[in-house]
Amino acid sequence: MALNTLSFASKYSSELDKMLVQKSATGFLADNIFRAKFVGAKTVIVPDIDFVGLADYDRDNGFSKAGMTVSQTPFTLTKDRARKLMIDREDMDETGIANLSGQVLGEYVRTKVVPEMDAYVLSNLYKVASDNGNTGAYAAKTVIADFLAGVNKVQDTAGFDEELVAFIDSTMYSALMTSTEISRQIIVSDFKQGDVNLKVKTLNGVALIPVSSERMRTEYTFSDGIEATEGGFAAAAGAGYIRSLIMPKKAASLVKKTETMRIFTPEQNKDADAYEFNYRLYYDVFVKKSNLKTIYAITEAAV
């Protein structure tokens, strides 16, 4: 069977990239990379503008000068993750390698890549909030008041016209959804993620993004995967629970340098009589200096 590996690799990479953005809870942050540009292999430059406020106008001397600083801030990508997958030639059926590999790769991205990327991004956003003193403790009895207080704190810093999102773990999401206190205030609104328009629940105009609890911990370890049976990620020992992360939708940028797919036929594969798929994702999440104090976390210590 002939297999145009270049064509299939290009098609798979494109489709897997769409799945990554659409299935990931944090995928919409990839929309925030306007004007970012790469310099070298690992560094991305993101412009950040700082202004000086207004001054009095002088009728004799006219306008008072003020500085405007445009900082070209360098950020270094740190997450370079990859995996080799193989499908034995004999595992093919009448549907052929194209359909089978599409199912396998799609399931791999959905069950392994997406959760890990979310966990990394959310734990790093928590660290930004923690480093800037923007955290609060979770308490079931005051969950609504605490959430609204967090929203107000973010709005007070970012502005009340900013579009906000709140990543919420299953514990806090359940508490909000079952509360009779705010049930009438929760509505369904449009939410754009990549090329897809989603319907999400909102509270006081804040989009509520439910996230699996396994992706909402304060710290993770990521396996080097040297052994074939090892890989993925796990909450670090003593890691706390991120019950909610409240932030402007544009506060952080998810930057992907590469999401590539290489395909080798059994004839090209020197190690086995199988199709080989090499998947690589090189990415990181960055928060500009002007947005560092606009992220708020509600957390709970590990039990």
C-alpha atoms as a PDB file:
ATOM      1  CA  MET A   1       0.000   0.000   0.000  1.00  0.00           C
ATOM      2  CA  ALA A   2       1.368   3.397  -0.938  1.00  0.00           C
ATOM      3  CA  LEU A   3       1.299   6.020   1.770  1.00  0.00           C
ATOM      4  CA  ASN A   4       2.088   9.648   1.042  1.00  0.00           C
ATOM      5  CA  THR A   5       3.784  10.278   4.377  1.00  0.00           C
ATOM      6  CA  LEU A   6       4.338  14.001   3.799  1.00  0.00           C
ATOM      7  CA  SER A   7       0.690  14.597   2.934  1.00  0.00           C
ATOM      8  CA  PHE A   8      -0.605  12.523   5.832  1.00  0.00           C
ATOM      9  CA  ALA A   9       1.823  14.106   8.307  1.00  0.00           C
ATOM     10  CA  SER A  10       0.741  17.602   7.276  1.00  0.00           C
ATOM     11  CA  LYS A  11      -2.941  16.697   7.485  1.00  0.00           C
ATOM     12  CA  TYR A  12      -2.613  14.967  10.847  1.00  0.00           C
ATOM     13  CA  SER A  13      -0.600  17.850  12.341  1.00  0.00           C
ATOM     14  CA  SER A  14      -3.271  20.331  11.284  1.00  0.00           C
ATOM     15  CA  GLU A  15      -6.171  18.249  12.599  1.00  0.00           C
ATOM     16  CA  LEU A  16      -4.400  17.394  15.869  1.00  0.00           C
ATOM     17  CA  ASP A  17      -3.580  21.059  16.422  1.00  0.00           C
ATOM     18  CA  LYS A  18      -7.276  21.934  16.045  1.00  0.00           C
ATOM     19  CA  MET A  19      -8.210  19.176  18.482  1.00  0.00           C
ATOM     20  CA  LEU A  20      -5.614  20.397  20.973  1.00  0.00           C
ATOM     21  CA  VAL A  21      -7.046  23.926  20.935  1.00  0.00           C
ATOM     22  CA  GLN A  22     -10.689  22.843  20.969  1.00  0.00           C
ATOM     23  CA  LYS A  23     -10.480  20.090  23.602  1.00  0.00           C
ATOM     24  CA  SER A  24      -8.112  21.838  25.971  1.00  0.00           C
ATOM     25  CA  ALA A  25      -9.693  23.986  28.689  1.00  0.00           C
ATOM     26  CA  THR A  26      -6.857  26.479  28.178  1.00  0.00           C
ATOM     27  CA  GLY A  27      -6.803  26.247  24.375  1.00  0.00           C
ATOM     28  CA  PHE A  28      -8.308  29.705  23.854  1.00  0.00           C
ATOM     29  CA  LEU A  29      -5.131  31.252  25.298  1.00  0.00           C
ATOM     30  CA  ALA A  30      -3.471  30.383  21.978  1.00  0.00           C
ATOM     31  CA  ASP A  31      -5.582  33.186  20.475  1.00  0.00           C
ATOM     32  CA  ASN A  32      -3.575  35.729  22.509  1.00  0.00           C
ATOM     33  CA  ILE A  33      -0.272  35.596  20.633  1.00  0.00           C
ATOM     34  CA  PHE A  34      -0.777  38.691  18.457  1.00  0.00           C
ATOM     35  CA  ARG A  35       2.553  40.338  17.621  1.00  0.00           C
ATOM     36  CA  ALA A  36       4.595  37.683  19.381  1.00  0.00           C
ATOM     37  CA  LYS A  37       7.603  36.589  17.327  1.00  0.00           C
ATOM     38  CA  PHE A  38      10.311  33.977  17.710  1.00  0.00           C
ATOM     39  CA  VAL A  39      13.994  34.780  17.976  1.00  0.00           C
ATOM     40  CA  GLY A  40      16.032  31.615  17.726  1.00  0.00           C
ATOM     41  CA  ALA A  41      14.778  28.182  18.695  1.00  0.00           C
ATOM     42  CA  LYS A  42      13.506  28.735  22.249  1.00  0.00           C
ATOM     43  CA  THR A  43      12.785  32.438  22.723  1.00  0.00           C
ATOM     44  CA  VAL A  44       9.656  34.374  21.858  1.00  0.00           C
ATOM     45  CA  ILE A  45       9.541  38.181  22.038  1.00  0.00           C
ATOM     46  CA  VAL A  46       6.316  39.760  23.302  1.00  0.00           C
ATOM     47  CA  PRO A  47       5.882  43.564  23.274  1.00  0.00           C
ATOM     48  CA  ASP A  48       4.748  45.225  26.505  1.00  0.00           C
ATOM     49  CA  ILE A  49       3.918  48.945  26.654  1.00  0.00           C
ATOM     50  CA  ASP A  50       4.202  51.133  29.751  1.00  0.00           C
ATOM     51  CA  PHE A  51       2.883  54.708  29.837  1.00  0.00           C
ATOM     52  CA  VAL A  52       3.190  57.733  32.135  1.00  0.00           C
ATOM     53  CA  GLY A  53      -0.073  59.391  33.175  1.00  0.00           C
ATOM     54  CA  LEU A  54      -1.428  62.782  32.143  1.00  0.00           C
ATOM     55  CA  ALA A  55       0.010  66.110  33.263  1.00  0.00           C
ATOM     56  CA  ASP A  56      -1.387  69.660  33.426  1.00  0.00           C
ATOM     57  CA  TYR A  57      -1.375  71.653  30.200  1.00  0.00           C
ATOM     58  CA  ASP A  58       0.718  74.836  30.475  1.00  0.00           C
ATOM     59  CA  ARG A  59      -0.636  77.762  28.414  1.00  0.00           C
ATOM     60  CA  ASP A  60       2.857  79.205  28.044  1.00  0.00           C
ATOM     61  CA  ASN A  61       4.964  76.091  27.596  1.00  0.00           C
ATOM     62  CA  GLY A  62       2.362  73.815  26.081  1.00  0.00           C
ATOM     63  CA  PHE A  63       2.551  70.052  26.493  1.00  0.00           C
ATOM     64  CA  SER A  64       4.630  68.352  29.126  1.00  0.00           C
ATOM     65  CA  LYS A  65       6.800  65.528  27.842  1.00  0.00           C
ATOM     66  CA  ALA A  66       6.397  62.013  29.130  1.00  0.00           C
ATOM     67  CA  GLY A  67       8.076  58.722  28.446  1.00  0.00           C
ATOM     68  CA  MET A  68       6.502  55.731  26.790  1.00  0.00           C
ATOM     69  CA  THR A  69       8.384  52.482  27.170  1.00  0.00           C
ATOM     70  CA  VAL A  70       7.925  49.646  24.713  1.00  0.00           C
ATOM     71  CA  SER A  71       9.607  46.614  26.221  1.00  0.00           C
ATOM     72  CA  GLN A  72      10.430  43.703  23.955  1.00  0.00           C
ATOM     73  CA  THR A  73      10.167  41.078  26.684  1.00  0.00           C
ATOM     74  CA  PRO A  74      11.844  37.728  25.942  1.00  0.00           C
ATOM     75  CA  PHE A  75      10.194  34.527  27.158  1.00  0.00           C
ATOM     76  CA  THR A  76      11.823  31.126  26.886  1.00  0.00           C
ATOM     77  CA  LEU A  77       9.791  28.035  26.031  1.00  0.00           C
ATOM     78  CA  THR A  78      10.463  25.188  28.447  1.00  0.00           C
ATOM     79  CA  LYS A  79       8.037  22.360  27.646  1.00  0.00           C
ATOM     80  CA  ASP A  80       9.402  20.195  24.836  1.00  0.00           C
ATOM     81  CA  ARG A  81       7.393  16.960  24.934  1.00  0.00           C
ATOM     82  CA  ALA A  82       7.267  14.104  22.449  1.00  0.00           C
ATOM     83  CA  ARG A  83       6.374  10.461  21.989  1.00  0.00           C
ATOM     84  CA  LYS A  84       6.841   7.692  19.438  1.00  0.00           C
ATOM     85  CA  LEU A  85       3.757   5.573  18.716  1.00  0.00           C
ATOM     86  CA  MET A  86       3.628   2.488  16.506  1.00  0.00           C
ATOM     87  CA  ILE A  87       0.791   0.532  14.867  1.00  0.00           C
ATOM     88  CA  ASP A  88       1.682  -2.978  13.738  1.00  0.00           C
ATOM     89  CA  ARG A  89       1.104  -3.703  10.065  1.00  0.00           C
ATOM     90  CA  GLU A  90      -1.134  -6.644  11.007  1.00  0.00           C
ATOM     91  CA  ASP A  91      -3.439  -4.430  13.095  1.00  0.00           C
ATOM     92  CA  MET A  92      -4.767  -2.779   9.954  1.00  0.00           C
ATOM     93  CA  ASP A  93      -8.203  -3.827   8.730  1.00  0.00           C
ATOM     94  CA  GLU A  94     -10.168  -2.975   5.633  1.00  0.00           C
ATOM     95  CA  THR A  95     -10.442   0.659   6.710  1.00  0.00           C
ATOM     96  CA  GLY A  96      -6.716   1.047   6.154  1.00  0.00           C
ATOM     97  CA  ILE A  97      -3.959   2.839   8.020  1.00  0.00           C
ATOM     98  CA  ALA A  98      -5.421   6.316   7.457  1.00  0.00           C
ATOM     99  CA  ASN A  99      -8.600   5.745   9.477  1.00  0.00           C
ATOM    100  CA  LEU A 100      -6.947   3.623  12.156  1.00  0.00           C
ATOM    101  CA  SER A 101      -4.063   6.005  12.736  1.00  0.00           C
ATOM    102  CA  GLY A 102      -6.421   8.974  12.799  1.00  0.00           C
ATOM    103  CA  GLN A 103      -8.427   7.338  15.583  1.00  0.00           C
ATOM    104  CA  VAL A 104      -5.322   6.353  17.553  1.00  0.00           C
ATOM    105  CA  LEU A 105      -3.625   9.734  17.292  1.00  0.00           C
ATOM    106  CA  GLY A 106      -6.821  11.635  18.039  1.00  0.00           C
ATOM    107  CA  GLU A 107      -7.393   9.556  21.151  1.00  0.00           C
ATOM    108  CA  TYR A 108      -3.786  10.080  22.242  1.00  0.00           C
ATOM    109  CA  VAL A 109      -4.097  13.862  21.987  1.00  0.00           C
ATOM    110  CA  ARG A 110      -7.485  13.845  23.750  1.00  0.00           C
ATOM    111  CA  THR A 111      -6.501  11.567  26.656  1.00  0.00           C
ATOM    112  CA  LYS A 112      -2.792  12.323  27.145  1.00  0.00           C
ATOM    113  CA  VAL A 113      -1.672  15.566  25.494  1.00  0.00           C
ATOM    114  CA  VAL A 114      -4.632  17.812  26.367  1.00  0.00           C
ATOM    115  CA  PRO A 115      -4.739  16.976  30.116  1.00  0.00           C
ATOM    116  CA  GLU A 116      -0.988  17.459  30.481  1.00  0.00           C
ATOM    117  CA  MET A 117      -0.952  20.808  28.699  1.00  0.00           C
ATOM    118  CA  ASP A 118      -3.895  22.062  30.787  1.00  0.00           C
ATOM    119  CA  ALA A 119      -2.206  20.938  33.997  1.00  0.00           C
ATOM    120  CA  TYR A 120       1.033  22.706  33.086  1.00  0.00           C
ATOM    121  CA  VAL A 121      -0.661  25.937  31.993  1.00  0.00           C
ATOM    122  CA  LEU A 122      -3.034  26.178  34.962  1.00  0.00           C
ATOM    123  CA  SER A 123      -0.358  25.388  37.560  1.00  0.00           C
ATOM    124  CA  ASN A 124       1.844  28.094  36.056  1.00  0.00           C
ATOM    125  CA  LEU A 125      -1.001  30.629  36.110  1.00  0.00           C
ATOM    126  CA  TYR A 126      -1.543  29.730  39.758  1.00  0.00           C
ATOM    127  CA  LYS A 127       2.146  30.447  40.415  1.00  0.00           C
ATOM    128  CA  VAL A 128       1.738  33.913  38.886  1.00  0.00           C
ATOM    129  CA  ALA A 129      -1.213  34.591  41.182  1.00  0.00           C
ATOM    130  CA  SER A 130       0.660  33.247  44.205  1.00  0.00           C
ATOM    131  CA  ASP A 131       3.845  35.210  43.477  1.00  0.00           C
ATOM    132  CA  ASN A 132       1.786  38.416  43.335  1.00  0.00           C
ATOM    133  CA  GLY A 133      -0.192  37.732  46.493  1.00  0.00           C
ATOM    134  CA  ASN A 134      -3.488  37.231  44.646  1.00  0.00           C
ATOM    135  CA  THR A 135      -4.828  34.126  46.354  1.00  0.00           C
ATOM    136  CA  GLY A 136      -7.685  33.256  48.662  1.00  0.00           C
ATOM    137  CA  ALA A 137      -8.655  30.157  50.619  1.00  0.00           C
ATOM    138  CA  TYR A 138     -11.547  27.950  49.519  1.00  0.00           C
ATOM    139  CA  ALA A 139     -14.432  27.535  51.945  1.00  0.00           C
ATOM    140  CA  ALA A 140     -17.570  25.636  50.949  1.00  0.00           C
ATOM    141  CA  LYS A 141     -19.844  27.789  53.126  1.00  0.00           C
ATOM    142  CA  THR A 142     -18.744  31.047  51.526  1.00  0.00           C
ATOM    143  CA  VAL A 143     -17.955  29.833  48.008  1.00  0.00           C
ATOM    144  CA  ILE A 144     -20.185  32.373  46.250  1.00  0.00           C
ATOM    145  CA  ALA A 145     -19.039  35.372  48.266  1.00  0.00           C
ATOM    146  CA  ASP A 146     -15.398  34.322  47.829  1.00  0.00           C
ATOM    147  CA  PHE A 147     -15.806  33.861  44.094  1.00  0.00           C
ATOM    148  CA  LEU A 148     -17.486  37.240  43.596  1.00  0.00           C
ATOM    149  CA  ALA A 149     -14.837  38.886  45.780  1.00  0.00           C
ATOM    150  CA  GLY A 150     -12.161  37.375  43.540  1.00  0.00           C
ATOM    151  CA  VAL A 151     -13.937  38.640  40.428  1.00  0.00           C
ATOM    152  CA  ASN A 152     -14.142  42.108  41.935  1.00  0.00           C
ATOM    153  CA  LYS A 153     -10.437  42.046  42.807  1.00  0.00           C
ATOM    154  CA  VAL A 154      -9.502  41.156  39.227  1.00  0.00           C
ATOM    155  CA  GLN A 155     -11.845  43.784  37.785  1.00  0.00           C
ATOM    156  CA  ASP A 156     -10.486  46.410  40.154  1.00  0.00           C
ATOM    157  CA  THR A 157      -7.029  45.802  38.693  1.00  0.00           C
ATOM    158  CA  ALA A 158      -7.775  44.948  35.051  1.00  0.00           C
ATOM    159  CA  GLY A 159     -10.828  47.142  34.529  1.00  0.00           C
ATOM    160  CA  PHE A 160     -14.542  46.463  34.682  1.00  0.00           C
ATOM    161  CA  ASP A 161     -14.817  46.319  30.894  1.00  0.00           C
ATOM    162  CA  GLU A 162     -12.407  43.373  30.552  1.00  0.00           C
ATOM    163  CA  GLU A 163     -13.814  40.007  29.481  1.00  0.00           C
ATOM    164  CA  LEU A 164     -13.111  37.602  32.344  1.00  0.00           C
ATOM    165  CA  VAL A 165     -12.894  33.818  32.525  1.00  0.00           C
ATOM    166  CA  ALA A 166     -12.809  31.527  35.532  1.00  0.00           C
ATOM    167  CA  PHE A 167     -11.319  28.049  35.422  1.00  0.00           C
ATOM    168  CA  ILE A 168     -13.166  26.055  38.077  1.00  0.00           C
ATOM    169  CA  ASP A 169     -12.480  22.552  39.361  1.00  0.00           C
ATOM    170  CA  SER A 170     -15.250  19.996  39.905  1.00  0.00           C
ATOM    171  CA  THR A 171     -15.615  20.678  43.633  1.00  0.00           C
ATOM    172  CA  MET A 172     -16.216  24.399  43.262  1.00  0.00           C
ATOM    173  CA  TYR A 173     -18.202  24.036  40.055  1.00  0.00           C
ATOM    174  CA  SER A 174     -20.620  21.678  41.806  1.00  0.00           C
ATOM    175  CA  ALA A 175     -20.985  24.124  44.698  1.00  0.00           C
ATOM    176  CA  LEU A 176     -21.811  26.968  42.314  1.00  0.00           C
ATOM    177  CA  MET A 177     -24.213  24.970  40.157  1.00  0.00           C
ATOM    178  CA  THR A 178     -26.204  23.606  43.113  1.00  0.00           C
ATOM    179  CA  SER A 179     -26.479  26.893  44.932  1.00  0.00           C
ATOM    180  CA  THR A 180     -30.010  28.323  44.988  1.00  0.00           C
ATOM    181  CA  GLU A 181     -28.480  31.666  45.844  1.00  0.00           C
ATOM    182  CA  ILE A 182     -27.184  32.325  42.321  1.00  0.00           C
ATOM    183  CA  SER A 183     -29.057  29.862  40.092  1.00  0.00           C
ATOM    184  CA  ARG A 184     -31.011  32.640  38.399  1.00  0.00           C
ATOM    185  CA  GLN A 185     -27.860  34.663  37.748  1.00  0.00           C
ATOM    186  CA  ILE A 186     -26.183  31.906  35.708  1.00  0.00           C
ATOM    187  CA  ILE A 187     -26.853  32.199  31.984  1.00  0.00           C
ATOM    188  CA  VAL A 188     -25.494  30.542  28.829  1.00  0.00           C
ATOM    189  CA  SER A 189     -23.356  32.721  26.552  1.00  0.00           C
ATOM    190  CA  ASP A 190     -21.138  32.415  23.479  1.00  0.00           C
ATOM    191  CA  PHE A 191     -17.432  31.761  23.991  1.00  0.00           C
ATOM    192  CA  LYS A 192     -14.879  31.711  21.173  1.00  0.00           C
ATOM    193  CA  GLN A 193     -12.094  29.120  21.359  1.00  0.00           C
ATOM    194  CA  GLY A 194      -9.901  28.964  18.293  1.00  0.00           C
ATOM    195  CA  ASP A 195     -12.159  28.604  15.269  1.00  0.00           C
ATOM    196  CA  VAL A 196     -15.046  27.237  17.312  1.00  0.00           C
ATOM    197  CA  ASN A 197     -17.866  29.098  19.039  1.00  0.00           C
ATOM    198  CA  LEU A 198     -18.834  27.344  22.265  1.00  0.00           C
ATOM    199  CA  LYS A 199     -21.705  27.774  24.688  1.00  0.00           C
ATOM    200  CA  VAL A 200     -20.582  28.264  28.286  1.00  0.00           C
ATOM    201  CA  LYS A 201     -22.283  29.213  31.518  1.00  0.00           C
ATOM    202  CA  THR A 202     -21.542  32.685  32.831  1.00  0.00           C
ATOM    203  CA  LEU A 203     -21.997  34.334  36.198  1.00  0.00           C
ATOM    204  CA  ASN A 204     -22.082  38.131  36.304  1.00  0.00           C
ATOM    205  CA  GLY A 205     -20.578  38.099  32.820  1.00  0.00           C
ATOM    206  CA  VAL A 206     -17.659  35.826  33.803  1.00  0.00           C
ATOM    207  CA  ALA A 207     -17.327  32.691  31.648  1.00  0.00           C
ATOM    208  CA  LEU A 208     -17.184  29.572  33.827  1.00  0.00           C
ATOM    209  CA  ILE A 209     -14.774  26.962  32.421  1.00  0.00           C
ATOM    210  CA  PRO A 210     -15.123  23.638  34.286  1.00  0.00           C
ATOM    211  CA  VAL A 211     -11.866  21.682  34.458  1.00  0.00           C
ATOM    212  CA  SER A 212     -11.153  18.176  35.675  1.00  0.00           C
ATOM    213  CA  SER A 213      -9.677  18.223  39.183  1.00  0.00           C
ATOM    214  CA  GLU A 214      -6.600  16.279  38.028  1.00  0.00           C
ATOM    215  CA  ARG A 215      -5.623  19.329  35.952  1.00  0.00           C
ATOM    216  CA  MET A 216      -6.183  21.833  38.788  1.00  0.00           C
ATOM    217  CA  ARG A 217      -3.330  21.243  41.244  1.00  0.00           C
ATOM    218  CA  THR A 218      -0.771  23.817  42.333  1.00  0.00           C
ATOM    219  CA  GLU A 219       2.294  21.820  41.239  1.00  0.00           C
ATOM    220  CA  TYR A 220       3.093  18.861  38.984  1.00  0.00           C
ATOM    221  CA  THR A 221       5.932  16.559  38.081  1.00  0.00           C
ATOM    222  CA  PHE A 222       6.362  15.619  34.428  1.00  0.00           C
ATOM    223  CA  SER A 223       7.897  12.251  33.642  1.00  0.00           C
ATOM    224  CA  ASP A 224      10.912  12.157  31.343  1.00  0.00           C
ATOM    225  CA  GLY A 225       9.413   8.990  29.834  1.00  0.00           C
ATOM    226  CA  ILE A 226      12.754   7.300  29.251  1.00  0.00           C
ATOM    227  CA  GLU A 227      11.107   3.961  29.923  1.00  0.00           C
ATOM    228  CA  ALA A 228       8.339   2.992  27.484  1.00  0.00           C
ATOM    229  CA  THR A 229       5.962   2.297  30.370  1.00  0.00           C
ATOM    230  CA  GLU A 230       6.551   5.699  31.972  1.00  0.00           C
ATOM    231  CA  GLY A 231       5.282   9.079  30.895  1.00  0.00           C
ATOM    232  CA  GLY A 232       2.755  11.814  31.443  1.00  0.00           C
ATOM    233  CA  PHE A 233       2.331  13.899  34.585  1.00  0.00           C
ATOM    234  CA  ALA A 234       1.197  13.683  38.198  1.00  0.00           C
ATOM    235  CA  ALA A 235       0.490  16.090  41.025  1.00  0.00           C
ATOM    236  CA  ALA A 236       3.609  16.788  43.061  1.00  0.00           C
ATOM    237  CA  ALA A 237       3.777  15.583  46.647  1.00  0.00           C
ATOM    238  CA  GLY A 238       1.876  18.018  48.851  1.00  0.00           C
ATOM    239  CA  ALA A 239       0.396  19.944  45.919  1.00  0.00           C
ATOM    240  CA  GLY A 240      -2.721  21.893  46.834  1.00  0.00           C
ATOM    241  CA  TYR A 241      -6.000  22.157  44.930  1.00  0.00           C
ATOM    242  CA  ILE A 242      -6.745  25.067  42.630  1.00  0.00           C
ATOM    243  CA  ARG A 243     -10.463  25.528  43.118  1.00  0.00           C
ATOM    244  CA  SER A 244     -10.653  28.491  40.759  1.00  0.00           C
ATOM    245  CA  LEU A 245      -8.476  30.749  38.628  1.00  0.00           C
ATOM    246  CA  ILE A 246     -10.080  34.079  37.705  1.00  0.00           C
ATOM    247  CA  MET A 247      -8.441  36.235  35.045  1.00  0.00           C
ATOM    248  CA  PRO A 248      -9.000  38.391  31.962  1.00  0.00           C
ATOM    249  CA  LYS A 249      -9.399  36.241  28.874  1.00  0.00           C
ATOM    250  CA  LYS A 250      -6.401  37.986  27.276  1.00  0.00           C
ATOM    251  CA  ALA A 251      -4.132  37.945  30.338  1.00  0.00           C
ATOM    252  CA  ALA A 252      -1.964  35.005  29.230  1.00  0.00           C
ATOM    253  CA  SER A 253      -0.644  33.648  25.955  1.00  0.00           C
ATOM    254  CA  LEU A 254      -0.219  29.990  25.074  1.00  0.00           C
ATOM    255  CA  VAL A 255       2.625  29.818  22.578  1.00  0.00           C
ATOM    256  CA  LYS A 256       3.287  26.664  20.546  1.00  0.00           C
ATOM    257  CA  LYS A 257       6.536  26.592  18.575  1.00  0.00           C
ATOM    258  CA  THR A 258       5.983  23.138  17.135  1.00  0.00           C
ATOM    259  CA  GLU A 259       3.292  20.567  16.970  1.00  0.00           C
ATOM    260  CA  THR A 260       4.683  18.190  14.400  1.00  0.00           C
ATOM    261  CA  MET A 261       3.879  14.702  13.210  1.00  0.00           C
ATOM    262  CA  ARG A 262       6.314  12.498  11.329  1.00  0.00           C
ATOM    263  CA  ILE A 263       5.104   9.234   9.806  1.00  0.00           C
ATOM    264  CA  PHE A 264       7.204   6.269   8.722  1.00  0.00           C
ATOM    265  CA  THR A 265       5.907   3.220   6.847  1.00  0.00           C
ATOM    266  CA  PRO A 266       6.873  -0.336   7.892  1.00  0.00           C
ATOM    267  CA  GLU A 267       9.395  -0.306   5.051  1.00  0.00           C
ATOM    268  CA  GLN A 268      11.005   2.847   6.491  1.00  0.00           C
ATOM    269  CA  ASN A 269      10.801   1.697  10.099  1.00  0.00           C
ATOM    270  CA  LYS A 270      14.041  -0.053  11.040  1.00  0.00           C
ATOM    271  CA  ASP A 271      12.828  -1.174  14.483  1.00  0.00           C
ATOM    272  CA  ALA A 272       9.564  -3.009  13.738  1.00  0.00           C
ATOM    273  CA  ASP A 273       7.149  -4.106  11.035  1.00  0.00           C
ATOM    274  CA  ALA A 274       4.846  -1.237  11.942  1.00  0.00           C
ATOM    275  CA  TYR A 275       3.835   2.271  11.064  1.00  0.00           C
ATOM    276  CA  GLU A 276       5.698   4.725  13.278  1.00  0.00           C
ATOM    277  CA  PHE A 277       4.284   8.097  14.358  1.00  0.00           C
ATOM    278  CA  ASN A 278       6.551  10.696  15.971  1.00  0.00           C
ATOM    279  CA  TYR A 279       4.551  13.384  17.787  1.00  0.00           C
ATOM    280  CA  ARG A 280       6.188  16.495  19.274  1.00  0.00           C
ATOM    281  CA  LEU A 281       4.730  19.495  21.098  1.00  0.00           C
ATOM    282  CA  TYR A 282       6.924  22.451  22.085  1.00  0.00           C
ATOM    283  CA  TYR A 283       5.057  25.097  24.060  1.00  0.00           C
ATOM    284  CA  ASP A 284       4.761  27.365  27.087  1.00  0.00           C
ATOM    285  CA  VAL A 285       2.428  29.900  28.664  1.00  0.00           C
ATOM    286  CA  PHE A 286       3.444  33.507  29.294  1.00  0.00           C
ATOM    287  CA  VAL A 287       1.945  36.450  31.155  1.00  0.00           C
ATOM    288  CA  LYS A 288       3.030  39.957  30.233  1.00  0.00           C
ATOM    289  CA  LYS A 289       4.260  42.289  32.963  1.00  0.00           C
ATOM    290  CA  SER A 290       1.160  44.453  32.670  1.00  0.00           C
ATOM    291  CA  ASN A 291      -1.086  41.447  33.441  1.00  0.00           C
ATOM    292  CA  LEU A 292       0.814  39.856  36.326  1.00  0.00           C
ATOM    293  CA  LYS A 293      -1.550  41.236  38.986  1.00  0.00           C
ATOM    294  CA  THR A 294      -4.769  40.397  37.126  1.00  0.00           C
ATOM    295  CA  ILE A 295      -4.831  36.663  37.929  1.00  0.00           C
ATOM    296  CA  TYR A 296      -6.537  35.501  41.125  1.00  0.00           C
ATOM    297  CA  ALA A 297      -6.554  31.976  42.560  1.00  0.00           C
ATOM    298  CA  ILE A 298      -8.829  30.318  45.102  1.00  0.00           C
ATOM    299  CA  THR A 299      -7.060  27.297  46.559  1.00  0.00           C
ATOM    300  CA  GLU A 300      -7.284  24.612  49.201  1.00  0.00           C
ATOM    301  CA  ALA A 301      -4.437  22.800  50.881  1.00  0.00           C
ATOM    302  CA  ALA A 302      -3.884  19.116  50.162  1.00  0.00           C
ATOM    303  CA  VAL A 303      -5.698  16.757  52.500  1.00  0.00           C
END
